[in-house]
Amino acid sequence: MRTVPGQDPDAGVSWLGVDHREERGAVVVAVAGEVDVVTVPDLEERIDAVVREDLPLVLDLAGVTFLDSTGLSALVRCHRRGLLGGGFRLVVANRAVSRPLELTALDDLLEVYPTLEAALEG
């Protein structure tokens, strides 16, 4: 997993790790750390670099420890891109992500799965 340049997870600064791979007919982007105003631009840049119109994008947020409104907006943008291509699925396995999605009703808009396995099965 690569981290955002200049960020140290032990320094009390926003930290984000992003890794991607193709798996079972989908592009899987695994995210760990904080998805916030500091890290969202890098996350979106990395997603844009690997997304393919012919394959669904599975964003695995199981390792995310914080999600703010900037992150929620990024998820909506990913959803919109997915409507134009192969689709967009989210892996939500913790309260740090599920709670903001529930409070904003985005869990009704987005395809949310509890595990990577379930998301890959679609």
PDB file of N, CA and C in Angstrom:
ATOM      1  N   MET A   1       0.825  -1.168   0.000  1.00  0.00           N
ATOM      2  CA  MET A   1       0.000   0.000   0.000  1.00  0.00           C
ATOM      3  C   MET A   1       0.877   1.241   0.000  1.00  0.00           C
ATOM      4  N   ARG A   2       0.592   2.170  -0.871  1.00  0.00           N
ATOM      5  CA  ARG A   2       1.363   3.414  -0.919  1.00  0.00           C
ATOM      6  C   ARG A   2       0.653   4.468  -0.088  1.00  0.00           C
ATOM      7  N   THR A   3       1.412   5.360   0.488  1.00  0.00           N
ATOM      8  CA  THR A   3       0.816   6.440   1.269  1.00  0.00           C
ATOM      9  C   THR A   3       0.916   7.738   0.493  1.00  0.00           C
ATOM     10  N   VAL A   4       0.117   8.702   0.915  1.00  0.00           N
ATOM     11  CA  VAL A   4       0.159  10.024   0.319  1.00  0.00           C
ATOM     12  C   VAL A   4       1.503  10.654   0.674  1.00  0.00           C
ATOM     13  N   PRO A   5       2.205  11.218  -0.313  1.00  0.00           N
ATOM     14  CA  PRO A   5       3.508  11.817  -0.024  1.00  0.00           C
ATOM     15  C   PRO A   5       3.436  12.870   1.072  1.00  0.00           C
ATOM     16  N   GLY A   6       4.434  12.842   1.956  1.00  0.00           N
ATOM     17  CA  GLY A   6       4.531  13.858   3.000  1.00  0.00           C
ATOM     18  C   GLY A   6       3.642  13.619   4.190  1.00  0.00           C
ATOM     19  N   GLN A   7       2.955  12.496   4.230  1.00  0.00           N
ATOM     20  CA  GLN A   7       2.065  12.231   5.351  1.00  0.00           C
ATOM     21  C   GLN A   7       2.615  11.088   6.184  1.00  0.00           C
ATOM     22  N   ASP A   8       2.587  11.262   7.457  1.00  0.00           N
ATOM     23  CA  ASP A   8       3.110  10.275   8.393  1.00  0.00           C
ATOM     24  C   ASP A   8       1.982   9.829   9.310  1.00  0.00           C
ATOM     25  N   PRO A   9       1.626   8.535   9.301  1.00  0.00           N
ATOM     26  CA  PRO A   9       0.501   8.086  10.118  1.00  0.00           C
ATOM     27  C   PRO A   9       0.724   8.278  11.613  1.00  0.00           C
ATOM     28  N   ASP A  10       1.961   8.474  12.046  1.00  0.00           N
ATOM     29  CA  ASP A  10       2.252   8.667  13.462  1.00  0.00           C
ATOM     30  C   ASP A  10       2.355  10.138  13.858  1.00  0.00           C
ATOM     31  N   ALA A  11       2.201  11.037  12.909  1.00  0.00           N
ATOM     32  CA  ALA A  11       2.401  12.458  13.185  1.00  0.00           C
ATOM     33  C   ALA A  11       1.107  13.206  13.450  1.00  0.00           C
ATOM     34  N   GLY A  12      -0.026  12.517  13.492  1.00  0.00           N
ATOM     35  CA  GLY A  12      -1.292  13.189  13.741  1.00  0.00           C
ATOM     36  C   GLY A  12      -1.817  13.945  12.529  1.00  0.00           C
ATOM     37  N   VAL A  13      -1.284  13.648  11.347  1.00  0.00           N
ATOM     38  CA  VAL A  13      -1.700  14.276  10.111  1.00  0.00           C
ATOM     39  C   VAL A  13      -2.516  13.251   9.335  1.00  0.00           C
ATOM     40  N   SER A  14      -3.456  13.704   8.522  1.00  0.00           N
ATOM     41  CA  SER A  14      -4.240  12.779   7.713  1.00  0.00           C
ATOM     42  C   SER A  14      -3.325  11.830   6.956  1.00  0.00           C
ATOM     43  N   TRP A  15      -3.705  10.559   6.964  1.00  0.00           N
ATOM     44  CA  TRP A  15      -2.931   9.535   6.289  1.00  0.00           C
ATOM     45  C   TRP A  15      -3.857   8.690   5.441  1.00  0.00           C
ATOM     46  N   LEU A  16      -3.386   8.316   4.258  1.00  0.00           N
ATOM     47  CA  LEU A  16      -4.192   7.503   3.359  1.00  0.00           C
ATOM     48  C   LEU A  16      -3.292   6.531   2.625  1.00  0.00           C
ATOM     49  N   GLY A  17      -3.657   5.267   2.662  1.00  0.00           N
ATOM     50  CA  GLY A  17      -2.982   4.241   1.878  1.00  0.00           C
ATOM     51  C   GLY A  17      -3.927   3.772   0.786  1.00  0.00           C
ATOM     52  N   VAL A  18      -3.408   3.615  -0.427  1.00  0.00           N
ATOM     53  CA  VAL A  18      -4.231   3.204  -1.558  1.00  0.00           C
ATOM     54  C   VAL A  18      -3.482   2.131  -2.336  1.00  0.00           C
ATOM     55  N   ASP A  19      -4.183   1.057  -2.648  1.00  0.00           N
ATOM     56  CA  ASP A  19      -3.614  -0.020  -3.442  1.00  0.00           C
ATOM     57  C   ASP A  19      -4.676  -0.449  -4.444  1.00  0.00           C
ATOM     58  N   HIS A  20      -4.248  -0.910  -5.607  1.00  0.00           N
ATOM     59  CA  HIS A  20      -5.238  -1.361  -6.586  1.00  0.00           C
ATOM     60  C   HIS A  20      -4.764  -2.634  -7.279  1.00  0.00           C
ATOM     61  N   ARG A  21      -5.739  -3.365  -7.796  1.00  0.00           N
ATOM     62  CA  ARG A  21      -5.456  -4.579  -8.544  1.00  0.00           C
ATOM     63  C   ARG A  21      -6.707  -4.951  -9.347  1.00  0.00           C
ATOM     64  N   GLU A  22      -6.516  -5.781 -10.349  1.00  0.00           N
ATOM     65  CA  GLU A  22      -7.659  -6.365 -11.046  1.00  0.00           C
ATOM     66  C   GLU A  22      -7.903  -7.724 -10.422  1.00  0.00           C
ATOM     67  N   GLU A  23      -9.169  -7.984 -10.094  1.00  0.00           N
ATOM     68  CA  GLU A  23      -9.532  -9.240  -9.464  1.00  0.00           C
ATOM     69  C   GLU A  23     -10.925  -9.656  -9.917  1.00  0.00           C
ATOM     70  N   ARG A  24     -11.036 -10.853 -10.451  1.00  0.00           N
ATOM     71  CA  ARG A  24     -12.319 -11.443 -10.841  1.00  0.00           C
ATOM     72  C   ARG A  24     -13.205 -10.494 -11.652  1.00  0.00           C
ATOM     73  N   GLY A  25     -12.596  -9.890 -12.651  1.00  0.00           N
ATOM     74  CA  GLY A  25     -13.363  -9.047 -13.560  1.00  0.00           C
ATOM     75  C   GLY A  25     -13.730  -7.680 -13.029  1.00  0.00           C
ATOM     76  N   ALA A  26     -12.978  -7.189 -12.048  1.00  0.00           N
ATOM     77  CA  ALA A  26     -13.225  -5.846 -11.497  1.00  0.00           C
ATOM     78  C   ALA A  26     -11.902  -5.183 -11.151  1.00  0.00           C
ATOM     79  N   VAL A  27     -11.915  -3.874 -11.110  1.00  0.00           N
ATOM     80  CA  VAL A  27     -10.786  -3.115 -10.584  1.00  0.00           C
ATOM     81  C   VAL A  27     -11.080  -2.865  -9.112  1.00  0.00           C
ATOM     82  N   VAL A  28     -10.218  -3.383  -8.243  1.00  0.00           N
ATOM     83  CA  VAL A  28     -10.392  -3.227  -6.804  1.00  0.00           C
ATOM     84  C   VAL A  28      -9.399  -2.176  -6.312  1.00  0.00           C
ATOM     85  N   VAL A  29      -9.919  -1.155  -5.665  1.00  0.00           N
ATOM     86  CA  VAL A  29      -9.087  -0.133  -5.038  1.00  0.00           C
ATOM     87  C   VAL A  29      -9.307  -0.244  -3.535  1.00  0.00           C
ATOM     88  N   ALA A  30      -8.259  -0.657  -2.814  1.00  0.00           N
ATOM     89  CA  ALA A  30      -8.335  -0.794  -1.360  1.00  0.00           C
ATOM     90  C   ALA A  30      -7.804   0.480  -0.724  1.00  0.00           C
ATOM     91  N   VAL A  31      -8.560   1.014   0.208  1.00  0.00           N
ATOM     92  CA  VAL A  31      -8.231   2.286   0.845  1.00  0.00           C
ATOM     93  C   VAL A  31      -8.110   2.061   2.355  1.00  0.00           C
ATOM     94  N   ALA A  32      -7.073   2.655   2.949  1.00  0.00           N
ATOM     95  CA  ALA A  32      -6.892   2.583   4.398  1.00  0.00           C
ATOM     96  C   ALA A  32      -6.516   3.965   4.909  1.00  0.00           C
ATOM     97  N   GLY A  33      -7.017   4.317   6.076  1.00  0.00           N
ATOM     98  CA  GLY A  33      -6.692   5.610   6.681  1.00  0.00           C
ATOM     99  C   GLY A  33      -7.863   6.557   6.656  1.00  0.00           C
ATOM    100  N   GLU A  34      -7.556   7.834   6.539  1.00  0.00           N
ATOM    101  CA  GLU A  34      -8.560   8.894   6.618  1.00  0.00           C
ATOM    102  C   GLU A  34      -8.893   9.438   5.237  1.00  0.00           C
ATOM    103  N   VAL A  35     -10.182   9.463   4.931  1.00  0.00           N
ATOM    104  CA  VAL A  35     -10.653  10.032   3.674  1.00  0.00           C
ATOM    105  C   VAL A  35     -11.283  11.378   4.026  1.00  0.00           C
ATOM    106  N   ASP A  36     -10.497  12.431   3.783  1.00  0.00           N
ATOM    107  CA  ASP A  36     -10.923  13.773   4.184  1.00  0.00           C
ATOM    108  C   ASP A  36     -10.440  14.808   3.191  1.00  0.00           C
ATOM    109  N   VAL A  37     -10.621  16.061   3.527  1.00  0.00           N
ATOM    110  CA  VAL A  37     -10.282  17.163   2.628  1.00  0.00           C
ATOM    111  C   VAL A  37      -8.812  17.131   2.203  1.00  0.00           C
ATOM    112  N   VAL A  38      -7.944  16.609   3.035  1.00  0.00           N
ATOM    113  CA  VAL A  38      -6.512  16.540   2.716  1.00  0.00           C
ATOM    114  C   VAL A  38      -6.219  15.410   1.742  1.00  0.00           C
ATOM    115  N   THR A  39      -6.874  14.259   1.916  1.00  0.00           N
ATOM    116  CA  THR A  39      -6.509  13.069   1.159  1.00  0.00           C
ATOM    117  C   THR A  39      -7.368  12.788  -0.064  1.00  0.00           C
ATOM    118  N   VAL A  40      -8.563  13.366  -0.143  1.00  0.00           N
ATOM    119  CA  VAL A  40      -9.469  13.079  -1.254  1.00  0.00           C
ATOM    120  C   VAL A  40      -8.866  13.407  -2.624  1.00  0.00           C
ATOM    121  N   PRO A  41      -8.183  14.527  -2.820  1.00  0.00           N
ATOM    122  CA  PRO A  41      -7.632  14.778  -4.162  1.00  0.00           C
ATOM    123  C   PRO A  41      -6.699  13.663  -4.639  1.00  0.00           C
ATOM    124  N   ASP A  42      -5.852  13.168  -3.757  1.00  0.00           N
ATOM    125  CA  ASP A  42      -4.955  12.089  -4.142  1.00  0.00           C
ATOM    126  C   ASP A  42      -5.738  10.804  -4.409  1.00  0.00           C
ATOM    127  N   LEU A  43      -6.724  10.516  -3.585  1.00  0.00           N
ATOM    128  CA  LEU A  43      -7.539   9.319  -3.786  1.00  0.00           C
ATOM    129  C   LEU A  43      -8.219   9.365  -5.147  1.00  0.00           C
ATOM    130  N   GLU A  44      -8.838  10.481  -5.478  1.00  0.00           N
ATOM    131  CA  GLU A  44      -9.531  10.593  -6.765  1.00  0.00           C
ATOM    132  C   GLU A  44      -8.552  10.498  -7.936  1.00  0.00           C
ATOM    133  N   GLU A  45      -7.380  11.056  -7.774  1.00  0.00           N
ATOM    134  CA  GLU A  45      -6.357  10.965  -8.824  1.00  0.00           C
ATOM    135  C   GLU A  45      -5.960   9.505  -9.054  1.00  0.00           C
ATOM    136  N   ARG A  46      -5.780   8.776  -7.977  1.00  0.00           N
ATOM    137  CA  ARG A  46      -5.406   7.361  -8.100  1.00  0.00           C
ATOM    138  C   ARG A  46      -6.536   6.529  -8.697  1.00  0.00           C
ATOM    139  N   ILE A  47      -7.766   6.832  -8.317  1.00  0.00           N
ATOM    140  CA  ILE A  47      -8.904   6.119  -8.896  1.00  0.00           C
ATOM    141  C   ILE A  47      -8.996   6.411 -10.386  1.00  0.00           C
ATOM    142  N   ASP A  48      -8.872   7.677 -10.776  1.00  0.00           N
ATOM    143  CA  ASP A  48      -8.932   8.054 -12.189  1.00  0.00           C
ATOM    144  C   ASP A  48      -7.869   7.329 -13.008  1.00  0.00           C
ATOM    145  N   ALA A  49      -6.709   7.084 -12.404  1.00  0.00           N
ATOM    146  CA  ALA A  49      -5.606   6.434 -13.112  1.00  0.00           C
ATOM    147  C   ALA A  49      -5.870   4.956 -13.393  1.00  0.00           C
ATOM    148  N   VAL A  50      -6.725   4.309 -12.603  1.00  0.00           N
ATOM    149  CA  VAL A  50      -6.913   2.864 -12.758  1.00  0.00           C
ATOM    150  C   VAL A  50      -8.306   2.454 -13.223  1.00  0.00           C
ATOM    151  N   VAL A  51      -9.270   3.357 -13.171  1.00  0.00           N
ATOM    152  CA  VAL A  51     -10.642   3.006 -13.540  1.00  0.00           C
ATOM    153  C   VAL A  51     -10.705   2.647 -15.024  1.00  0.00           C
ATOM    154  N   ARG A  52     -11.535   1.658 -15.326  1.00  0.00           N
ATOM    155  CA  ARG A  52     -11.733   1.215 -16.703  1.00  0.00           C
ATOM    156  C   ARG A  52     -13.223   1.199 -16.992  1.00  0.00           C
ATOM    157  N   GLU A  53     -13.597   1.651 -18.168  1.00  0.00           N
ATOM    158  CA  GLU A  53     -15.019   1.707 -18.520  1.00  0.00           C
ATOM    159  C   GLU A  53     -15.625   0.323 -18.723  1.00  0.00           C
ATOM    160  N   ASP A  54     -14.788  -0.680 -18.983  1.00  0.00           N
ATOM    161  CA  ASP A  54     -15.310  -2.019 -19.253  1.00  0.00           C
ATOM    162  C   ASP A  54     -15.354  -2.910 -18.016  1.00  0.00           C
ATOM    163  N   LEU A  55     -14.861  -2.436 -16.875  1.00  0.00           N
ATOM    164  CA  LEU A  55     -14.855  -3.222 -15.647  1.00  0.00           C
ATOM    165  C   LEU A  55     -15.467  -2.416 -14.504  1.00  0.00           C
ATOM    166  N   PRO A  56     -16.188  -3.081 -13.613  1.00  0.00           N
ATOM    167  CA  PRO A  56     -16.692  -2.364 -12.432  1.00  0.00           C
ATOM    168  C   PRO A  56     -15.547  -1.935 -11.522  1.00  0.00           C
ATOM    169  N   LEU A  57     -15.752  -0.848 -10.837  1.00  0.00           N
ATOM    170  CA  LEU A  57     -14.814  -0.373  -9.828  1.00  0.00           C
ATOM    171  C   LEU A  57     -15.355  -0.787  -8.466  1.00  0.00           C
ATOM    172  N   VAL A  58     -14.537  -1.501  -7.710  1.00  0.00           N
ATOM    173  CA  VAL A  58     -14.897  -1.875  -6.342  1.00  0.00           C
ATOM    174  C   VAL A  58     -13.979  -1.101  -5.417  1.00  0.00           C
ATOM    175  N   LEU A  59     -14.549  -0.214  -4.650  1.00  0.00           N
ATOM    176  CA  LEU A  59     -13.786   0.597  -3.704  1.00  0.00           C
ATOM    177  C   LEU A  59     -13.924  -0.046  -2.330  1.00  0.00           C
ATOM    178  N   ASP A  60     -12.829  -0.642  -1.861  1.00  0.00           N
ATOM    179  CA  ASP A  60     -12.818  -1.362  -0.594  1.00  0.00           C
ATOM    180  C   ASP A  60     -12.423  -0.396   0.519  1.00  0.00           C
ATOM    181  N   LEU A  61     -13.400   0.018   1.313  1.00  0.00           N
ATOM    182  CA  LEU A  61     -13.176   0.990   2.384  1.00  0.00           C
ATOM    183  C   LEU A  61     -13.062   0.331   3.759  1.00  0.00           C
ATOM    184  N   ALA A  62     -12.797  -0.968   3.788  1.00  0.00           N
ATOM    185  CA  ALA A  62     -12.713  -1.689   5.059  1.00  0.00           C
ATOM    186  C   ALA A  62     -11.627  -1.121   5.974  1.00  0.00           C
ATOM    187  N   GLY A  63     -10.585  -0.553   5.417  1.00  0.00           N
ATOM    188  CA  GLY A  63      -9.496  -0.011   6.222  1.00  0.00           C
ATOM    189  C   GLY A  63      -9.610   1.470   6.523  1.00  0.00           C
ATOM    190  N   VAL A  64     -10.724   2.083   6.163  1.00  0.00           N
ATOM    191  CA  VAL A  64     -10.906   3.519   6.388  1.00  0.00           C
ATOM    192  C   VAL A  64     -11.313   3.765   7.843  1.00  0.00           C
ATOM    193  N   THR A  65     -10.623   4.706   8.478  1.00  0.00           N
ATOM    194  CA  THR A  65     -10.878   5.027   9.884  1.00  0.00           C
ATOM    195  C   THR A  65     -11.656   6.324  10.071  1.00  0.00           C
ATOM    196  N   PHE A  66     -11.775   7.122   9.005  1.00  0.00           N
ATOM    197  CA  PHE A  66     -12.491   8.399   9.090  1.00  0.00           C
ATOM    198  C   PHE A  66     -12.966   8.764   7.697  1.00  0.00           C
ATOM    199  N   LEU A  67     -14.207   9.254   7.594  1.00  0.00           N
ATOM    200  CA  LEU A  67     -14.786   9.676   6.323  1.00  0.00           C
ATOM    201  C   LEU A  67     -15.559  10.959   6.550  1.00  0.00           C
ATOM    202  N   ASP A  68     -15.108  12.056   5.916  1.00  0.00           N
ATOM    203  CA  ASP A  68     -15.815  13.329   6.099  1.00  0.00           C
ATOM    204  C   ASP A  68     -16.673  13.642   4.879  1.00  0.00           C
ATOM    205  N   SER A  69     -17.274  14.826   4.870  1.00  0.00           N
ATOM    206  CA  SER A  69     -18.178  15.203   3.782  1.00  0.00           C
ATOM    207  C   SER A  69     -17.458  15.286   2.440  1.00  0.00           C
ATOM    208  N   THR A  70     -16.186  15.627   2.453  1.00  0.00           N
ATOM    209  CA  THR A  70     -15.412  15.652   1.210  1.00  0.00           C
ATOM    210  C   THR A  70     -15.296  14.243   0.650  1.00  0.00           C
ATOM    211  N   GLY A  71     -15.084  13.283   1.533  1.00  0.00           N
ATOM    212  CA  GLY A  71     -15.023  11.890   1.120  1.00  0.00           C
ATOM    213  C   GLY A  71     -16.359  11.397   0.592  1.00  0.00           C
ATOM    214  N   LEU A  72     -17.439  11.793   1.246  1.00  0.00           N
ATOM    215  CA  LEU A  72     -18.772  11.420   0.768  1.00  0.00           C
ATOM    216  C   LEU A  72     -19.024  11.974  -0.635  1.00  0.00           C
ATOM    217  N   SER A  73     -18.622  13.200  -0.865  1.00  0.00           N
ATOM    218  CA  SER A  73     -18.770  13.799  -2.199  1.00  0.00           C
ATOM    219  C   SER A  73     -17.961  13.034  -3.237  1.00  0.00           C
ATOM    220  N   ALA A  74     -16.777  12.595  -2.858  1.00  0.00           N
ATOM    221  CA  ALA A  74     -15.942  11.812  -3.770  1.00  0.00           C
ATOM    222  C   ALA A  74     -16.627  10.490  -4.124  1.00  0.00           C
ATOM    223  N   LEU A  75     -17.298   9.881  -3.154  1.00  0.00           N
ATOM    224  CA  LEU A  75     -18.015   8.639  -3.429  1.00  0.00           C
ATOM    225  C   LEU A  75     -19.152   8.866  -4.421  1.00  0.00           C
ATOM    226  N   VAL A  76     -19.841   9.981  -4.293  1.00  0.00           N
ATOM    227  CA  VAL A  76     -20.914  10.309  -5.239  1.00  0.00           C
ATOM    228  C   VAL A  76     -20.332  10.513  -6.633  1.00  0.00           C
ATOM    229  N   ARG A  77     -19.190  11.177  -6.732  1.00  0.00           N
ATOM    230  CA  ARG A  77     -18.548  11.365  -8.036  1.00  0.00           C
ATOM    231  C   ARG A  77     -18.149  10.011  -8.639  1.00  0.00           C
ATOM    232  N   CYS A  78     -17.635   9.116  -7.817  1.00  0.00           N
ATOM    233  CA  CYS A  78     -17.299   7.765  -8.293  1.00  0.00           C
ATOM    234  C   CYS A  78     -18.550   7.044  -8.785  1.00  0.00           C
ATOM    235  N   HIS A  79     -19.633   7.197  -8.065  1.00  0.00           N
ATOM    236  CA  HIS A  79     -20.906   6.590  -8.469  1.00  0.00           C
ATOM    237  C   HIS A  79     -21.327   7.108  -9.841  1.00  0.00           C
ATOM    238  N   ARG A  80     -21.229   8.397 -10.037  1.00  0.00           N
ATOM    239  CA  ARG A  80     -21.615   8.992 -11.328  1.00  0.00           C
ATOM    240  C   ARG A  80     -20.748   8.442 -12.459  1.00  0.00           C
ATOM    241  N   ARG A  81     -19.431   8.312 -12.203  1.00  0.00           N
ATOM    242  CA  ARG A  81     -18.536   7.725 -13.204  1.00  0.00           C
ATOM    243  C   ARG A  81     -18.930   6.278 -13.481  1.00  0.00           C
ATOM    244  N   GLY A  82     -19.322   5.562 -12.447  1.00  0.00           N
ATOM    245  CA  GLY A  82     -19.725   4.172 -12.597  1.00  0.00           C
ATOM    246  C   GLY A  82     -20.963   4.011 -13.458  1.00  0.00           C
ATOM    247  N   LEU A  83     -21.849   4.998 -13.410  1.00  0.00           N
ATOM    248  CA  LEU A  83     -23.046   4.945 -14.245  1.00  0.00           C
ATOM    249  C   LEU A  83     -22.686   5.023 -15.723  1.00  0.00           C
ATOM    250  N   LEU A  84     -21.554   5.624 -16.025  1.00  0.00           N
ATOM    251  CA  LEU A  84     -21.111   5.773 -17.413  1.00  0.00           C
ATOM    252  C   LEU A  84     -20.266   4.594 -17.871  1.00  0.00           C
ATOM    253  N   GLY A  85     -19.827   3.769 -16.950  1.00  0.00           N
ATOM    254  CA  GLY A  85     -18.920   2.678 -17.305  1.00  0.00           C
ATOM    255  C   GLY A  85     -19.383   1.342 -16.783  1.00  0.00           C
ATOM    256  N   GLY A  86     -18.459   0.647 -16.158  1.00  0.00           N
ATOM    257  CA  GLY A  86     -18.708  -0.719 -15.724  1.00  0.00           C
ATOM    258  C   GLY A  86     -19.430  -0.859 -14.403  1.00  0.00           C
ATOM    259  N   GLY A  87     -19.691   0.230 -13.705  1.00  0.00           N
ATOM    260  CA  GLY A  87     -20.372   0.166 -12.417  1.00  0.00           C
ATOM    261  C   GLY A  87     -19.450   0.527 -11.272  1.00  0.00           C
ATOM    262  N   PHE A  88     -20.044   0.722 -10.106  1.00  0.00           N
ATOM    263  CA  PHE A  88     -19.305   1.146  -8.923  1.00  0.00           C
ATOM    264  C   PHE A  88     -19.903   0.469  -7.706  1.00  0.00           C
ATOM    265  N   ARG A  89     -19.055  -0.209  -6.939  1.00  0.00           N
ATOM    266  CA  ARG A  89     -19.486  -0.908  -5.733  1.00  0.00           C
ATOM    267  C   ARG A  89     -18.586  -0.518  -4.572  1.00  0.00           C
ATOM    268  N   LEU A  90     -19.171  -0.466  -3.384  1.00  0.00           N
ATOM    269  CA  LEU A  90     -18.423  -0.108  -2.174  1.00  0.00           C
ATOM    270  C   LEU A  90     -18.390  -1.270  -1.198  1.00  0.00           C
ATOM    271  N   VAL A  91     -17.239  -1.468  -0.579  1.00  0.00           N
ATOM    272  CA  VAL A  91     -17.139  -2.400   0.538  1.00  0.00           C
ATOM    273  C   VAL A  91     -17.107  -1.548   1.797  1.00  0.00           C
ATOM    274  N   VAL A  92     -18.122  -1.710   2.631  1.00  0.00           N
ATOM    275  CA  VAL A  92     -18.244  -0.942   3.869  1.00  0.00           C
ATOM    276  C   VAL A  92     -18.317  -1.944   5.013  1.00  0.00           C
ATOM    277  N   ALA A  93     -17.255  -1.983   5.805  1.00  0.00           N
ATOM    278  CA  ALA A  93     -17.156  -3.007   6.842  1.00  0.00           C
ATOM    279  C   ALA A  93     -16.973  -2.436   8.245  1.00  0.00           C
ATOM    280  N   ASN A  94     -17.118  -1.118   8.372  1.00  0.00           N
ATOM    281  CA  ASN A  94     -16.949  -0.541   9.714  1.00  0.00           C
ATOM    282  C   ASN A  94     -17.827   0.690   9.885  1.00  0.00           C
ATOM    283  N   ARG A  95     -18.028   1.056  11.117  1.00  0.00           N
ATOM    284  CA  ARG A  95     -18.913   2.173  11.467  1.00  0.00           C
ATOM    285  C   ARG A  95     -18.368   3.527  11.020  1.00  0.00           C
ATOM    286  N   ALA A  96     -17.063   3.662  10.921  1.00  0.00           N
ATOM    287  CA  ALA A  96     -16.476   4.938  10.481  1.00  0.00           C
ATOM    288  C   ALA A  96     -16.951   5.315   9.084  1.00  0.00           C
ATOM    289  N   VAL A  97     -17.319   4.328   8.298  1.00  0.00           N
ATOM    290  CA  VAL A  97     -17.827   4.571   6.953  1.00  0.00           C
ATOM    291  C   VAL A  97     -19.345   4.393   6.893  1.00  0.00           C
ATOM    292  N   SER A  98     -19.857   3.358   7.541  1.00  0.00           N
ATOM    293  CA  SER A  98     -21.297   3.089   7.436  1.00  0.00           C
ATOM    294  C   SER A  98     -22.148   4.205   8.038  1.00  0.00           C
ATOM    295  N   ARG A  99     -21.698   4.773   9.142  1.00  0.00           N
ATOM    296  CA  ARG A  99     -22.494   5.809   9.817  1.00  0.00           C
ATOM    297  C   ARG A  99     -22.693   7.058   8.947  1.00  0.00           C
ATOM    298  N   PRO A 100     -21.626   7.636   8.371  1.00  0.00           N
ATOM    299  CA  PRO A 100     -21.848   8.800   7.499  1.00  0.00           C
ATOM    300  C   PRO A 100     -22.721   8.470   6.283  1.00  0.00           C
ATOM    301  N   LEU A 101     -22.578   7.254   5.745  1.00  0.00           N
ATOM    302  CA  LEU A 101     -23.422   6.863   4.613  1.00  0.00           C
ATOM    303  C   LEU A 101     -24.887   6.785   5.025  1.00  0.00           C
ATOM    304  N   GLU A 102     -25.150   6.224   6.204  1.00  0.00           N
ATOM    305  CA  GLU A 102     -26.526   6.126   6.702  1.00  0.00           C
ATOM    306  C   GLU A 102     -27.118   7.508   6.981  1.00  0.00           C
ATOM    307  N   LEU A 103     -26.339   8.372   7.641  1.00  0.00           N
ATOM    308  CA  LEU A 103     -26.843   9.700   8.012  1.00  0.00           C
ATOM    309  C   LEU A 103     -27.197  10.555   6.803  1.00  0.00           C
ATOM    310  N   THR A 104     -26.509  10.329   5.694  1.00  0.00           N
ATOM    311  CA  THR A 104     -26.755  11.110   4.485  1.00  0.00           C
ATOM    312  C   THR A 104     -27.632  10.362   3.476  1.00  0.00           C
ATOM    313  N   ALA A 105     -28.065   9.158   3.835  1.00  0.00           N
ATOM    314  CA  ALA A 105     -28.876   8.286   2.978  1.00  0.00           C
ATOM    315  C   ALA A 105     -28.145   7.866   1.705  1.00  0.00           C
ATOM    316  N   LEU A 106     -26.844   8.019   1.680  1.00  0.00           N
ATOM    317  CA  LEU A 106     -26.083   7.569   0.521  1.00  0.00           C
ATOM    318  C   LEU A 106     -26.024   6.043   0.440  1.00  0.00           C
ATOM    319  N   ASP A 107     -26.286   5.383   1.550  1.00  0.00           N
ATOM    320  CA  ASP A 107     -26.330   3.923   1.507  1.00  0.00           C
ATOM    321  C   ASP A 107     -27.506   3.431   0.659  1.00  0.00           C
ATOM    322  N   ASP A 108     -28.499   4.290   0.414  1.00  0.00           N
ATOM    323  CA  ASP A 108     -29.612   3.952  -0.473  1.00  0.00           C
ATOM    324  C   ASP A 108     -29.258   4.187  -1.946  1.00  0.00           C
ATOM    325  N   LEU A 109     -28.370   5.133  -2.205  1.00  0.00           N
ATOM    326  CA  LEU A 109     -27.963   5.468  -3.567  1.00  0.00           C
ATOM    327  C   LEU A 109     -26.871   4.538  -4.075  1.00  0.00           C
ATOM    328  N   LEU A 110     -25.886   4.262  -3.238  1.00  0.00           N
ATOM    329  CA  LEU A 110     -24.704   3.512  -3.639  1.00  0.00           C
ATOM    330  C   LEU A 110     -24.897   2.015  -3.428  1.00  0.00           C
ATOM    331  N   GLU A 111     -24.179   1.225  -4.219  1.00  0.00           N
ATOM    332  CA  GLU A 111     -24.171  -0.233  -4.042  1.00  0.00           C
ATOM    333  C   GLU A 111     -23.186  -0.556  -2.933  1.00  0.00           C
ATOM    334  N   VAL A 112     -23.698  -0.904  -1.762  1.00  0.00           N
ATOM    335  CA  VAL A 112     -22.871  -1.147  -0.585  1.00  0.00           C
ATOM    336  C   VAL A 112     -22.891  -2.635  -0.249  1.00  0.00           C
ATOM    337  N   TYR A 113     -21.702  -3.189  -0.004  1.00  0.00           N
ATOM    338  CA  TYR A 113     -21.545  -4.599   0.337  1.00  0.00           C
ATOM    339  C   TYR A 113     -20.730  -4.708   1.620  1.00  0.00           C
ATOM    340  N   PRO A 114     -20.999  -5.743   2.429  1.00  0.00           N
ATOM    341  CA  PRO A 114     -20.276  -5.878   3.700  1.00  0.00           C
ATOM    342  C   PRO A 114     -18.877  -6.478   3.575  1.00  0.00           C
ATOM    343  N   THR A 115     -18.602  -7.155   2.446  1.00  0.00           N
ATOM    344  CA  THR A 115     -17.296  -7.785   2.249  1.00  0.00           C
ATOM    345  C   THR A 115     -16.841  -7.609   0.806  1.00  0.00           C
ATOM    346  N   LEU A 116     -15.555  -7.763   0.596  1.00  0.00           N
ATOM    347  CA  LEU A 116     -15.013  -7.707  -0.757  1.00  0.00           C
ATOM    348  C   LEU A 116     -15.582  -8.850  -1.599  1.00  0.00           C
ATOM    349  N   GLU A 117     -15.675 -10.020  -1.006  1.00  0.00           N
ATOM    350  CA  GLU A 117     -16.228 -11.182  -1.707  1.00  0.00           C
ATOM    351  C   GLU A 117     -17.633 -10.879  -2.234  1.00  0.00           C
ATOM    352  N   ALA A 118     -18.478 -10.310  -1.404  1.00  0.00           N
ATOM    353  CA  ALA A 118     -19.841  -9.980  -1.823  1.00  0.00           C
ATOM    354  C   ALA A 118     -19.843  -8.937  -2.937  1.00  0.00           C
ATOM    355  N   ALA A 119     -18.972  -7.945  -2.829  1.00  0.00           N
ATOM    356  CA  ALA A 119     -18.902  -6.892  -3.854  1.00  0.00           C
ATOM    357  C   ALA A 119     -18.423  -7.458  -5.193  1.00  0.00           C
ATOM    358  N   LEU A 120     -17.490  -8.388  -5.139  1.00  0.00           N
ATOM    359  CA  LEU A 120     -16.991  -8.981  -6.389  1.00  0.00           C
ATOM    360  C   LEU A 120     -18.058  -9.850  -7.046  1.00  0.00           C
ATOM    361  N   GLU A 121     -18.905 -10.458  -6.249  1.00  0.00           N
ATOM    362  CA  GLU A 121     -20.001 -11.257  -6.805  1.00  0.00           C
ATOM    363  C   GLU A 121     -21.077 -10.356  -7.397  1.00  0.00           C
ATOM    364  N   GLY A 122     -21.177  -9.135  -6.843  1.00  0.00           N
ATOM    365  CA  GLY A 122     -22.079  -8.115  -7.354  1.00  0.00           C
ATOM    366  C   GLY A 122     -23.499  -8.525  -7.304  1.00  0.00           C
TER     367      GLY A 122
END
